[in-house]
Amino acid sequence: MKNFRAIALLFTANTISGIAQGISMIAIPWHFSKTEDMTRFGIVYGISTIISLFWVPYSGTLVDKYNRKHIFQAITGISGLFTLCMGLYGIWAGFLDWWMIALVFLFTFFNYNIHYPNLYAFMQEITEKKYHGKISSYLEVFGQLASALAGATAALLLSGVEKGQDSFLGLPIVSPIEIESWSIQQIFLMDGITYVIAFSLISLIQFTPLTIRSKEVMKLRERIISGWNWLMTNKKILQFGIASYLLFATVMLVSFYLCASYVSLHLNLEGDIYATAEMFYSIGALLSGLFIRYIFRSRKTAQNIAILTFITGAFYFSQHFFQSVTLLFISMLFLGISNAGVRILRVGFLFENVPNQYYGRVNAVFFLSNLIIRSVFIGLFALPFFLEAENFSYTYIIMAALLLVATVWCLRLSPHIKMKESR
């Protein structure tokens, strides 16, 4: 495989930083949930989403214009420096104000918005075409391995372990040692250190581009329009990208906003259950990365996505009616399987059908549509009605209805979505 060393370094850097990022993004919503500041966090999440409506199209043009290795260096360097400073300040002062924690969330959130489009575009650029299907699966496997480790570590750090009889990952244990729970500033310090490690690994990457990108001298607005024009000449791909992204919209809502409140309001349980649920999601995604291409290789891409989307909607529907930790874990497991499976199938399709020259901008359009949908639902779920314990689970009914729409849409598009290869 050409560029093998570069690909290996990129996977390693992405996995290391992904573990600490995942811990932070689990710890922050839980911190706000336990301090009864979820309304404030909802506002912060809403603001971050609204700002992203402008940031995402711009970041897409950056991905297509500049050296993608340099973009990784920039985002890991800036995010690492900021997170390290926050962690060090919090340890020195003994606390962090809510707005400081919110700023770390915003930095990480905006990092995600350029990190993943840049990651996929970079991988497409340095990977031989015959390996595109395998690389999309491996990206999911390693990414979700990092998330699974983050979930397990977050459960340990958020709740700690008492010597003697205790519980961990929702299970009773007898611990011979005592592990104190970590403060949010200690978690940020660890996160910042891993950014530094990732930056160092990315700096070692040397690669030969396997696709030719012509230099663009157009202005920002013209670059954004050129990406949109490509999609308008490929409208079925535009519709498919939006429809297949609807599942991801609900995943972002669950992971960053709803799950913490579901555990505390609907189940009346603690942080280790919340972190364990996130770990089950990651385990499901990891299993999906290993097996999904083989399970669904005999069906059409859009049909496979419709099946996975429908299953997830059914689990959301059931979570409204039952207060069960077991159901929560199973639902999160299948949510991980479905979301990762959809992402692998979608990324493999886009790798084969979208030119690398436009990949960042095309992906930005899909992500922008997803942000708009999430913004609407964040505003809806921030209403006082949904913040009451007896009404909160209605959010899952609404998400189930959204995924039913996505299922029907994907089935209607199925005859028009052709995969050039079925590896």
Protein backbone atom coordinates (compact mmCIF):
# COMPACT_ATOMS: atom_id res chain seq x y z
CA MET A 1 0.00 0.00 0.00
CA LYS A 2 1.36 3.41 -0.97
CA ASN A 3 1.72 6.01 1.81
CA PHE A 4 1.38 3.23 4.40
CA ARG A 5 3.54 5.00 7.00
CA ALA A 6 1.61 8.26 6.57
CA ILE A 7 -1.71 6.44 6.94
CA ALA A 8 -0.48 4.58 10.05
CA LEU A 9 0.73 7.81 11.69
CA LEU A 10 -2.57 9.54 10.90
CA PHE A 11 -4.57 6.66 12.39
CA THR A 12 -2.40 6.68 15.53
CA ALA A 13 -2.63 10.44 16.05
CA ASN A 14 -6.38 10.41 15.46
CA THR A 15 -6.90 7.57 17.95
CA ILE A 16 -4.78 9.09 20.74
CA SER A 17 -6.38 12.53 20.57
CA GLY A 18 -9.82 10.93 20.07
CA ILE A 19 -9.65 9.17 23.46
CA ALA A 20 -9.09 12.38 25.40
CA GLN A 21 -11.52 14.39 23.29
CA GLY A 22 -14.14 11.74 23.92
CA ILE A 23 -13.58 11.90 27.69
CA SER A 24 -13.96 15.69 27.65
CA MET A 25 -17.12 15.58 25.53
CA ILE A 26 -18.65 13.05 27.93
CA ALA A 27 -17.51 14.94 31.04
CA ILE A 28 -18.78 18.39 29.98
CA PRO A 29 -22.50 17.54 29.48
CA TRP A 30 -22.44 15.47 32.67
CA HIS A 31 -20.88 18.37 34.60
CA PHE A 32 -23.69 20.69 33.47
CA SER A 33 -26.31 18.03 34.16
CA LYS A 34 -25.11 17.46 37.75
CA THR A 35 -24.89 21.20 38.46
CA GLU A 36 -28.47 21.57 37.15
CA ASP A 37 -27.29 23.85 34.36
CA MET A 38 -28.63 21.87 31.38
CA THR A 39 -30.68 24.86 30.23
CA ARG A 40 -27.47 26.89 30.12
CA PHE A 41 -25.66 24.05 28.35
CA GLY A 42 -28.52 23.81 25.87
CA ILE A 43 -28.00 27.47 25.06
CA VAL A 44 -24.24 26.91 24.66
CA TYR A 45 -24.87 23.93 22.39
CA GLY A 46 -27.39 25.95 20.40
CA ILE A 47 -24.95 28.85 20.00
CA SER A 48 -22.17 26.50 18.89
CA THR A 49 -24.49 25.00 16.30
CA ILE A 50 -25.57 28.40 14.97
CA ILE A 51 -21.95 29.59 14.68
CA SER A 52 -21.14 26.36 12.88
CA LEU A 53 -23.64 27.30 10.17
CA PHE A 54 -21.05 29.87 9.07
CA TRP A 55 -17.91 27.97 10.11
CA VAL A 56 -18.69 24.70 8.30
CA PRO A 57 -18.92 26.10 4.73
CA TYR A 58 -15.72 28.07 5.31
CA SER A 59 -13.90 25.06 6.78
CA GLY A 60 -14.93 23.04 3.71
CA THR A 61 -13.16 25.53 1.44
CA LEU A 62 -10.05 25.37 3.65
CA VAL A 63 -9.96 21.58 3.36
CA ASP A 64 -10.04 21.81 -0.44
CA LYS A 65 -7.61 24.72 -0.76
CA TYR A 66 -4.74 24.02 1.64
CA ASN A 67 -2.38 21.19 2.52
CA ARG A 68 -4.44 18.87 4.71
CA LYS A 69 -1.49 17.85 6.86
CA HIS A 70 -0.94 21.52 7.72
CA ILE A 71 -4.63 21.88 8.62
CA PHE A 72 -4.29 18.99 11.09
CA GLN A 73 -1.23 20.61 12.60
CA ALA A 74 -3.06 23.92 13.00
CA ILE A 75 -6.18 22.52 14.66
CA THR A 76 -4.32 20.17 17.02
CA GLY A 77 -1.82 22.90 17.93
CA ILE A 78 -4.41 25.60 18.65
CA SER A 79 -6.87 23.29 20.43
CA GLY A 80 -4.07 21.69 22.45
CA LEU A 81 -2.69 25.02 23.62
CA PHE A 82 -6.12 26.31 24.63
CA THR A 83 -7.19 23.14 26.45
CA LEU A 84 -3.86 22.89 28.26
CA CYS A 85 -4.16 26.50 29.45
CA MET A 86 -7.68 25.91 30.74
CA GLY A 87 -6.63 22.75 32.57
CA LEU A 88 -3.59 24.40 34.14
CA TYR A 89 -5.58 27.48 35.16
CA GLY A 90 -8.32 25.34 36.70
CA ILE A 91 -5.79 23.33 38.72
CA TRP A 92 -4.09 26.54 39.88
CA ALA A 93 -7.35 28.27 40.80
CA GLY A 94 -9.06 25.14 42.11
CA PHE A 95 -12.14 25.58 39.88
CA LEU A 96 -13.39 26.58 36.43
CA ASP A 97 -16.35 28.88 35.83
CA TRP A 98 -19.15 27.49 33.68
CA TRP A 99 -18.25 29.75 30.76
CA MET A 100 -14.67 28.44 30.75
CA ILE A 101 -15.94 24.88 30.51
CA ALA A 102 -18.30 26.01 27.77
CA LEU A 103 -15.37 27.51 25.83
CA VAL A 104 -13.54 24.17 25.89
CA PHE A 105 -16.70 22.56 24.56
CA LEU A 106 -16.92 25.17 21.78
CA PHE A 107 -13.26 24.70 20.80
CA THR A 108 -13.68 20.93 20.66
CA PHE A 109 -16.98 21.22 18.78
CA PHE A 110 -15.49 23.51 16.12
CA ASN A 111 -12.46 21.23 15.95
CA TYR A 112 -14.78 18.33 15.07
CA ASN A 113 -16.39 20.41 12.31
CA ILE A 114 -13.13 20.67 10.37
CA HIS A 115 -11.30 17.61 11.73
CA TYR A 116 -13.53 14.94 10.19
CA PRO A 117 -14.02 16.51 6.73
CA ASN A 118 -10.25 17.04 6.62
CA LEU A 119 -9.58 13.48 7.82
CA TYR A 120 -11.78 11.90 5.14
CA ALA A 121 -10.48 14.17 2.37
CA PHE A 122 -6.86 13.51 3.41
CA MET A 123 -7.43 9.76 3.49
CA GLN A 124 -9.04 9.87 0.05
CA GLU A 125 -6.07 11.89 -1.22
CA ILE A 126 -3.32 9.53 0.03
CA THR A 127 -5.07 6.15 -0.38
CA GLU A 128 -5.19 4.05 -3.51
CA LYS A 129 -8.71 3.75 -4.91
CA LYS A 130 -8.83 -0.02 -4.48
CA TYR A 131 -8.46 0.44 -0.69
CA HIS A 132 -11.18 3.09 -0.24
CA GLY A 133 -13.75 0.63 1.15
CA LYS A 134 -11.29 -0.86 3.63
CA ILE A 135 -10.02 2.54 4.75
CA SER A 136 -13.55 3.81 5.46
CA SER A 137 -14.09 0.75 7.68
CA TYR A 138 -10.74 1.11 9.43
CA LEU A 139 -11.42 4.79 10.12
CA GLU A 140 -14.58 3.77 11.93
CA VAL A 141 -12.91 0.89 13.80
CA PHE A 142 -10.06 3.00 15.17
CA GLY A 143 -12.28 6.02 15.83
CA GLN A 144 -14.75 3.97 17.80
CA LEU A 145 -12.01 2.07 19.61
CA ALA A 146 -10.89 5.46 20.87
CA SER A 147 -14.48 6.32 21.85
CA ALA A 148 -14.96 3.01 23.67
CA LEU A 149 -11.80 3.58 25.67
CA ALA A 150 -12.95 7.13 26.32
CA GLY A 151 -16.30 5.87 27.64
CA ALA A 152 -14.69 3.36 30.00
CA THR A 153 -12.14 5.90 31.22
CA ALA A 154 -14.78 8.59 31.65
CA ALA A 155 -16.87 6.25 33.80
CA LEU A 156 -13.84 5.71 36.03
CA LEU A 157 -12.77 9.36 36.19
CA LEU A 158 -16.24 10.89 36.67
CA SER A 159 -17.37 8.61 39.49
CA GLY A 160 -14.13 7.21 40.90
CA VAL A 161 -13.97 3.86 42.69
CA GLU A 162 -14.25 3.40 46.45
CA LYS A 163 -12.31 0.70 48.24
CA GLY A 164 -14.52 -2.24 49.08
CA GLN A 165 -18.03 -2.69 47.65
CA ASP A 166 -18.72 -0.29 44.78
CA SER A 167 -20.06 -0.20 41.23
CA PHE A 168 -18.30 0.40 37.94
CA LEU A 169 -19.89 0.49 34.47
CA GLY A 170 -23.19 -0.18 36.22
CA LEU A 171 -21.96 -3.46 37.73
CA PRO A 172 -21.22 -4.28 41.40
CA ILE A 173 -17.52 -4.80 42.12
CA VAL A 174 -15.22 -5.32 45.09
CA SER A 175 -12.28 -2.96 44.65
CA PRO A 176 -9.02 -3.46 46.57
CA ILE A 177 -8.02 0.14 45.86
CA GLU A 178 -9.62 3.56 45.94
CA ILE A 179 -9.56 5.83 42.89
CA GLU A 180 -10.64 9.42 43.38
CA SER A 181 -12.88 11.04 40.82
CA TRP A 182 -11.20 13.64 38.62
CA SER A 183 -12.15 17.28 38.39
CA ILE A 184 -13.10 18.75 35.04
CA GLN A 185 -9.83 20.72 34.96
CA GLN A 186 -7.75 17.56 35.40
CA ILE A 187 -9.60 15.99 32.48
CA PHE A 188 -8.89 19.08 30.34
CA LEU A 189 -5.18 18.90 31.22
CA MET A 190 -5.00 15.29 30.04
CA ASP A 191 -6.90 16.24 26.88
CA GLY A 192 -4.41 19.02 26.13
CA ILE A 193 -1.42 16.69 26.54
CA THR A 194 -2.85 14.24 24.00
CA TYR A 195 -3.29 17.09 21.50
CA VAL A 196 0.44 17.76 21.84
CA ILE A 197 1.21 14.07 21.18
CA ALA A 198 -1.08 14.08 18.13
CA PHE A 199 0.60 17.23 16.81
CA SER A 200 4.01 15.57 17.11
CA LEU A 201 2.89 12.46 15.23
CA ILE A 202 1.23 14.45 12.43
CA SER A 203 4.45 16.46 12.00
CA LEU A 204 6.23 13.20 11.08
CA ILE A 205 3.86 12.45 8.18
CA GLN A 206 5.42 12.39 4.70
CA PHE A 207 3.15 11.49 1.79
CA THR A 208 2.75 11.43 -1.98
CA PRO A 209 -0.68 12.70 -3.18
CA LEU A 210 -2.48 10.05 -5.25
CA THR A 211 -5.05 12.49 -6.64
CA ILE A 212 -4.30 15.72 -8.44
CA ARG A 213 -5.88 18.88 -7.05
CA SER A 214 -5.70 21.96 -9.26
CA LYS A 215 -4.82 25.19 -7.51
CA GLU A 216 -7.86 27.41 -6.99
CA VAL A 217 -7.48 31.19 -7.07
CA MET A 218 -11.19 31.90 -6.67
CA LYS A 219 -12.53 34.03 -3.84
CA LEU A 220 -14.18 32.38 -0.83
CA ARG A 221 -17.73 32.90 -2.10
CA GLU A 222 -16.84 31.50 -5.51
CA ARG A 223 -15.22 28.41 -3.97
CA ILE A 224 -18.33 27.71 -1.90
CA ILE A 225 -20.57 28.18 -4.96
CA SER A 226 -18.40 25.86 -7.07
CA GLY A 227 -18.94 23.03 -4.59
CA TRP A 228 -22.68 23.68 -4.57
CA ASN A 229 -22.78 23.78 -8.39
CA TRP A 230 -21.15 20.33 -8.52
CA LEU A 231 -23.90 18.98 -6.27
CA MET A 232 -26.62 20.64 -8.33
CA THR A 233 -25.40 18.66 -11.33
CA ASN A 234 -25.54 15.52 -9.16
CA LYS A 235 -28.85 16.05 -7.33
CA LYS A 236 -29.39 12.43 -6.35
CA ILE A 237 -26.05 12.48 -4.52
CA LEU A 238 -27.17 15.71 -2.80
CA GLN A 239 -30.43 14.12 -1.65
CA PHE A 240 -28.68 10.94 -0.59
CA GLY A 241 -26.11 12.89 1.44
CA ILE A 242 -28.82 14.76 3.33
CA ALA A 243 -31.07 11.74 3.90
CA SER A 244 -28.23 9.48 5.06
CA TYR A 245 -27.03 12.19 7.46
CA LEU A 246 -30.33 12.39 9.41
CA LEU A 247 -29.34 9.47 11.64
CA PHE A 248 -26.12 11.33 12.48
CA ALA A 249 -28.21 14.37 13.51
CA THR A 250 -29.96 12.31 16.19
CA VAL A 251 -26.65 10.76 17.29
CA MET A 252 -25.17 14.21 17.90
CA LEU A 253 -28.25 15.21 19.87
CA VAL A 254 -28.09 12.05 21.99
CA SER A 255 -24.34 12.08 22.61
CA PHE A 256 -23.83 15.78 23.35
CA TYR A 257 -27.19 16.82 24.78
CA LEU A 258 -29.91 14.26 25.49
CA CYS A 259 -28.23 11.18 26.95
CA ALA A 260 -26.96 12.87 30.11
CA SER A 261 -30.43 14.23 30.87
CA TYR A 262 -32.07 10.91 29.94
CA VAL A 263 -29.96 9.15 32.56
CA SER A 264 -30.48 11.79 35.27
CA LEU A 265 -34.13 12.76 34.56
CA HIS A 266 -35.75 9.66 33.05
CA LEU A 267 -33.73 6.94 34.83
CA ASN A 268 -32.65 8.89 37.95
CA LEU A 269 -29.15 7.39 37.83
CA GLU A 270 -25.54 8.55 38.06
CA GLY A 271 -22.59 9.45 35.85
CA ASP A 272 -21.10 5.97 35.54
CA ILE A 273 -24.33 4.81 33.84
CA TYR A 274 -24.15 7.72 31.40
CA ALA A 275 -20.49 7.06 30.57
CA THR A 276 -21.19 3.32 30.28
CA ALA A 277 -24.00 4.04 27.81
CA GLU A 278 -21.54 6.03 25.70
CA MET A 279 -19.12 3.10 25.90
CA PHE A 280 -21.80 0.69 24.66
CA TYR A 281 -22.39 3.04 21.74
CA SER A 282 -18.70 2.90 20.89
CA ILE A 283 -18.57 -0.90 21.20
CA GLY A 284 -21.47 -1.13 18.76
CA ALA A 285 -19.71 1.20 16.36
CA LEU A 286 -16.52 -0.85 16.68
CA LEU A 287 -18.39 -4.06 15.83
CA SER A 288 -20.01 -2.31 12.90
CA GLY A 289 -16.63 -1.18 11.59
CA LEU A 290 -15.39 -4.77 11.63
CA PHE A 291 -18.38 -6.52 10.08
CA ILE A 292 -20.87 -4.16 8.41
CA ARG A 293 -19.32 -4.29 4.92
CA TYR A 294 -19.57 -8.08 4.91
CA ILE A 295 -23.09 -8.26 6.35
CA PHE A 296 -24.58 -5.79 3.86
CA ARG A 297 -22.46 -6.42 0.78
CA SER A 298 -25.31 -8.08 -1.16
CA ARG A 299 -27.73 -5.14 -0.89
CA LYS A 300 -27.84 -1.65 -2.35
CA THR A 301 -26.18 1.12 -0.33
CA ALA A 302 -29.36 3.18 0.20
CA GLN A 303 -31.35 0.09 1.22
CA ASN A 304 -28.75 -0.84 3.81
CA ILE A 305 -28.84 2.69 5.24
CA ALA A 306 -32.66 2.57 5.35
CA ILE A 307 -32.58 -0.68 7.35
CA LEU A 308 -30.10 0.66 9.90
CA THR A 309 -31.98 3.95 10.21
CA PHE A 310 -35.29 2.18 10.82
CA ILE A 311 -33.80 -0.06 13.54
CA THR A 312 -32.45 3.00 15.37
CA GLY A 313 -35.83 4.74 15.18
CA ALA A 314 -37.49 1.66 16.70
CA PHE A 315 -35.12 1.77 19.67
CA TYR A 316 -35.75 5.49 20.19
CA PHE A 317 -39.47 4.75 20.21
CA SER A 318 -39.05 2.03 22.86
CA GLN A 319 -36.93 4.27 25.11
CA HIS A 320 -39.89 6.59 25.58
CA PHE A 321 -42.05 3.86 27.10
CA PHE A 322 -39.60 2.03 29.36
CA GLN A 323 -37.31 3.03 32.23
CA SER A 324 -34.67 0.37 31.88
CA VAL A 325 -30.89 0.57 32.14
CA THR A 326 -30.63 -2.64 30.10
CA LEU A 327 -32.73 -1.10 27.32
CA LEU A 328 -30.56 2.02 27.41
CA PHE A 329 -27.37 -0.03 26.97
CA ILE A 330 -28.86 -2.18 24.18
CA SER A 331 -30.24 0.91 22.43
CA MET A 332 -26.87 2.66 22.59
CA LEU A 333 -25.17 -0.50 21.31
CA PHE A 334 -27.46 -0.60 18.26
CA LEU A 335 -27.18 3.16 17.84
CA GLY A 336 -23.42 2.68 17.55
CA ILE A 337 -23.86 -0.19 15.08
CA SER A 338 -26.31 1.79 12.95
CA ASN A 339 -24.51 5.13 12.92
CA ALA A 340 -21.11 3.60 12.20
CA GLY A 341 -22.60 1.33 9.55
CA VAL A 342 -24.31 4.24 7.83
CA ARG A 343 -21.13 6.31 7.98
CA ILE A 344 -19.00 3.51 6.50
CA LEU A 345 -21.46 2.95 3.67
CA ARG A 346 -21.87 6.69 3.03
CA VAL A 347 -18.14 7.49 3.16
CA GLY A 348 -17.33 4.55 0.86
CA PHE A 349 -19.94 5.79 -1.62
CA LEU A 350 -18.71 9.39 -1.48
CA PHE A 351 -15.06 8.30 -1.85
CA GLU A 352 -16.04 6.61 -5.10
CA ASN A 353 -18.35 9.31 -6.47
CA VAL A 354 -17.06 12.71 -5.31
CA PRO A 355 -13.84 14.15 -6.82
CA ASN A 356 -11.15 14.91 -4.22
CA GLN A 357 -11.01 18.47 -5.58
CA TYR A 358 -14.52 19.10 -4.20
CA TYR A 359 -14.65 16.63 -1.31
CA GLY A 360 -14.29 19.17 1.52
CA ARG A 361 -16.97 21.50 0.12
CA VAL A 362 -19.42 18.73 -0.77
CA ASN A 363 -19.07 17.21 2.69
CA ALA A 364 -19.53 20.69 4.18
CA VAL A 365 -22.89 21.04 2.40
CA PHE A 366 -24.09 17.77 3.92
CA PHE A 367 -22.82 18.75 7.35
CA LEU A 368 -24.42 22.20 7.04
CA SER A 369 -27.82 20.68 6.29
CA ASN A 370 -27.34 18.46 9.32
CA LEU A 371 -26.50 21.46 11.50
CA ILE A 372 -29.66 23.27 10.43
CA ILE A 373 -31.78 20.25 11.34
CA ARG A 374 -30.00 19.92 14.70
CA SER A 375 -30.50 23.64 15.40
CA VAL A 376 -34.24 23.25 14.96
CA PHE A 377 -34.39 20.28 17.32
CA ILE A 378 -32.12 21.88 19.90
CA GLY A 379 -34.44 24.87 20.00
CA LEU A 380 -37.44 22.56 20.31
CA PHE A 381 -35.93 20.39 23.05
CA ALA A 382 -34.86 23.46 25.05
CA LEU A 383 -38.53 24.34 25.66
CA PRO A 384 -39.53 24.06 29.34
CA PHE A 385 -41.96 21.23 28.52
CA PHE A 386 -39.11 18.86 27.58
CA LEU A 387 -36.98 19.79 30.60
CA GLU A 388 -39.51 18.26 33.01
CA ALA A 389 -38.65 14.70 34.04
CA GLU A 390 -42.05 13.26 33.08
CA ASN A 391 -41.91 14.80 29.59
CA PHE A 392 -38.25 14.46 28.67
CA SER A 393 -38.57 11.08 26.95
CA TYR A 394 -40.89 12.62 24.32
CA THR A 395 -37.70 13.88 22.68
CA TYR A 396 -37.02 10.28 21.68
CA ILE A 397 -40.46 9.92 20.07
CA ILE A 398 -39.72 12.98 17.92
CA MET A 399 -36.35 11.58 16.85
CA ALA A 400 -38.00 8.27 15.97
CA ALA A 401 -40.41 10.14 13.67
CA LEU A 402 -37.47 11.93 11.99
CA LEU A 403 -35.74 8.61 11.30
CA LEU A 404 -38.94 7.18 9.82
CA VAL A 405 -38.86 10.04 7.29
CA ALA A 406 -35.17 9.29 6.59
CA THR A 407 -35.96 5.59 6.06
CA VAL A 408 -38.64 6.29 3.46
CA TRP A 409 -36.43 8.88 1.71
CA CYS A 410 -33.49 6.47 1.41
CA LEU A 411 -35.73 3.72 0.03
CA ARG A 412 -37.06 6.10 -2.63
CA LEU A 413 -33.49 7.04 -3.62
CA SER A 414 -32.24 3.45 -3.69
CA PRO A 415 -32.69 2.83 -7.46
CA HIS A 416 -30.60 5.92 -8.23
CA ILE A 417 -27.67 5.35 -5.84
CA LYS A 418 -25.09 3.13 -7.47
CA MET A 419 -21.87 1.95 -5.85
CA LYS A 420 -19.00 1.67 -8.31
CA GLU A 421 -17.43 -1.12 -6.27
CA SER A 422 -18.64 -3.59 -3.65
CA ARG A 423 -15.46 -4.53 -1.80
